[in-house]
Protein backbone atom coordinates (compact mmCIF):
# COMPACT_ATOMS: atom_id res chain seq x y z
CA MET A 1 0.23 -24.14 -2.29
CA PRO A 2 -1.55 -21.35 -0.31
CA GLY A 3 -4.11 -18.97 -1.69
CA ILE A 4 -4.25 -15.35 -1.04
CA ASP A 5 -6.13 -15.63 2.44
CA GLU A 6 -3.71 -18.20 3.95
CA CYS A 7 -0.58 -16.20 2.56
CA LEU A 8 -1.82 -12.95 4.27
CA LEU A 9 -2.54 -14.89 7.50
CA GLU A 10 0.83 -16.28 7.21
CA ALA A 11 2.35 -12.56 6.75
CA MET A 12 0.46 -11.55 9.79
CA ARG A 13 2.46 -14.16 11.73
CA LEU A 14 5.82 -12.15 11.07
CA PRO A 15 7.28 -9.98 14.20
CA GLY A 16 5.77 -6.67 14.12
CA ALA A 17 3.29 -7.05 11.39
CA ARG A 18 0.52 -4.65 11.50
CA GLY A 19 -1.18 -5.11 8.15
CA ALA A 20 -0.82 -7.42 5.06
CA ALA A 21 -2.44 -6.94 1.55
CA LEU A 22 -2.23 -8.46 -2.07
CA VAL A 23 -2.25 -5.50 -4.36
CA ASP A 24 -2.69 -5.20 -8.13
CA TRP A 25 -0.08 -2.70 -9.02
CA THR A 26 -1.85 -1.80 -12.37
CA SER A 27 -5.34 -1.15 -10.94
CA GLY A 28 -4.20 -0.18 -7.28
CA LEU A 29 -6.85 -2.55 -6.02
CA ALA A 30 -6.25 -4.82 -3.02
CA LEU A 31 -7.06 -8.36 -3.85
CA GLY A 32 -7.17 -9.09 -0.16
CA ALA A 33 -6.23 -7.35 3.12
CA VAL A 34 -5.82 -8.27 6.80
CA GLY A 35 -4.73 -6.15 9.84
CA GLU A 36 -4.47 -2.55 10.15
CA PHE A 37 -3.23 0.06 7.57
CA PRO A 38 -1.94 3.40 7.64
CA GLY A 39 -4.88 6.11 7.99
CA GLY A 40 -7.10 3.09 8.74
CA ASP A 41 -8.01 2.71 5.05
CA HIS A 42 -6.77 -0.47 3.51
CA GLU A 43 -8.06 0.49 -0.02
CA ALA A 44 -6.24 3.96 -0.02
CA ALA A 45 -3.17 2.34 1.20
CA ALA A 46 -3.22 -0.26 -1.59
CA ALA A 47 -3.80 2.61 -4.17
CA GLU A 48 -0.78 4.45 -2.74
CA ALA A 49 1.42 1.50 -2.49
CA ALA A 50 0.42 0.46 -6.00
CA GLU A 51 1.39 3.89 -7.44
CA VAL A 52 4.97 3.57 -5.80
CA ALA A 53 5.35 0.01 -7.00
CA ARG A 54 4.12 0.90 -10.65
CA LEU A 55 6.44 3.97 -10.74
CA THR A 56 9.20 1.63 -9.66
CA ALA A 57 8.48 -1.21 -11.78
CA GLU A 58 8.13 0.84 -14.99
CA GLN A 59 11.49 2.69 -14.56
CA ARG A 60 14.50 0.97 -16.33
CA ALA A 61 16.75 2.29 -13.73
CA PHE A 62 15.62 -0.26 -11.45
CA THR A 63 15.09 -3.31 -13.72
CA PRO A 64 17.71 -5.89 -14.23
CA GLU A 65 20.12 -5.43 -17.35
CA GLY A 66 18.49 -6.98 -20.43
CA TYR A 67 15.14 -7.26 -18.81
CA THR A 68 12.01 -7.48 -21.03
CA ALA A 69 8.41 -7.43 -19.95
CA GLY A 70 7.08 -10.98 -19.87
CA HIS A 71 10.28 -12.39 -19.18
CA GLU A 72 10.06 -16.20 -18.42
CA GLY A 73 12.22 -17.93 -15.68
CA GLY A 74 10.36 -17.93 -12.47
CA ALA A 75 8.95 -20.93 -10.62
CA GLU A 76 7.04 -23.19 -13.08
CA GLY A 77 7.43 -20.84 -16.03
CA ALA A 78 5.98 -17.76 -14.15
CA ALA A 79 6.75 -14.33 -15.56
CA GLU A 80 9.42 -12.67 -13.39
CA PRO A 81 8.51 -9.17 -12.15
CA PRO A 82 10.93 -6.41 -12.99
CA VAL A 83 11.77 -5.63 -9.45
CA GLU A 84 12.07 -8.36 -6.51
CA ASP A 85 10.97 -5.86 -3.43
CA LEU A 86 10.77 -2.30 -2.32
CA ILE A 87 11.50 -1.37 1.34
CA ILE A 88 10.22 2.05 2.59
CA SER A 89 11.16 3.17 6.10
CA ASN A 90 9.93 5.84 8.16
CA ARG A 91 10.40 6.77 11.88
CA ASP A 92 8.05 3.99 13.33
CA SER A 93 7.45 1.58 10.57
CA TYR A 94 8.55 -0.38 7.49
CA HIS A 95 6.52 -1.06 4.44
CA LEU A 96 7.81 -4.20 2.55
CA LEU A 97 6.50 -4.53 -1.14
CA ARG A 98 7.38 -8.00 -2.58
CA PHE A 99 6.46 -8.53 -6.24
CA VAL A 100 4.91 -11.79 -7.03
CA PRO A 101 5.80 -13.79 -10.15
CA THR A 102 2.63 -14.98 -11.95
CA THR A 103 1.73 -16.92 -15.00
CA PHE A 104 0.06 -13.89 -16.53
CA ASP A 105 1.53 -10.39 -15.99
CA SER A 106 3.13 -10.40 -12.57
CA SER A 107 1.42 -7.24 -11.74
CA VAL A 108 0.84 -8.01 -8.05
CA PHE A 109 2.76 -7.58 -4.98
CA LEU A 110 2.61 -8.44 -1.22
CA HIS A 111 2.59 -5.33 0.98
CA VAL A 112 3.29 -5.96 4.54
CA TRP A 113 3.58 -2.96 7.16
CA LEU A 114 5.79 -3.65 10.13
CA GLY A 115 6.20 -1.80 13.22
CA ARG A 116 9.87 -0.60 13.39
CA SER A 117 10.31 -1.35 17.14
CA ASP A 118 9.32 -5.03 16.94
CA GLY A 119 9.46 -5.84 13.15
CA ASN A 120 12.53 -7.73 11.84
CA LEU A 121 12.88 -6.58 8.12
CA ALA A 122 15.47 -9.15 6.96
CA LEU A 123 13.20 -12.05 8.35
CA ALA A 124 10.16 -10.49 6.72
CA ARG A 125 11.97 -10.06 3.28
CA ILE A 126 13.20 -13.63 3.45
CA ARG A 127 9.69 -15.03 4.36
CA LEU A 128 7.75 -12.82 1.74
CA GLY A 129 10.17 -14.05 -0.94
CA GLU A 130 9.16 -17.65 0.05
CA MET A 131 5.46 -16.86 0.41
CA ALA A 132 5.41 -15.07 -3.12
CA GLY A 133 6.97 -18.24 -4.77
CA ARG A 134 4.22 -20.46 -3.12
CA LEU A 135 1.29 -18.25 -3.58
CA VAL A 136 -1.33 -19.75 -5.98
CA LEU A 137 -3.31 -17.08 -7.95
CA GLY A 138 -6.13 -17.86 -10.23
């Protein structure tokens, strides 16, 4: 089972990957980051992505019907996050935020920045889901 660094390096092997980070959406801190980030500052990018993730995760309109915080049901008893992933697209890139089930509060997500011209959003979404399921935190 890969740790943070191995997971981020695997994410950087995705077609079109420009940068990858594991971010805590409650604090806005990057727990690890590799590659480039918009504006050249991975800490600012992590804080801004965390704000979007937090706003989404806390809105009932985006959570599954009947969801309650701390819902058990992921791999090996992990708490399921309220949202699987977010996709933000602009003229030249995609931002994919994949929420990670954890044994504590599921307040982290993988953020991958993909170039639009050479990125494969469908493949990235599948692979990030696999990575999130294997990631070992702690």
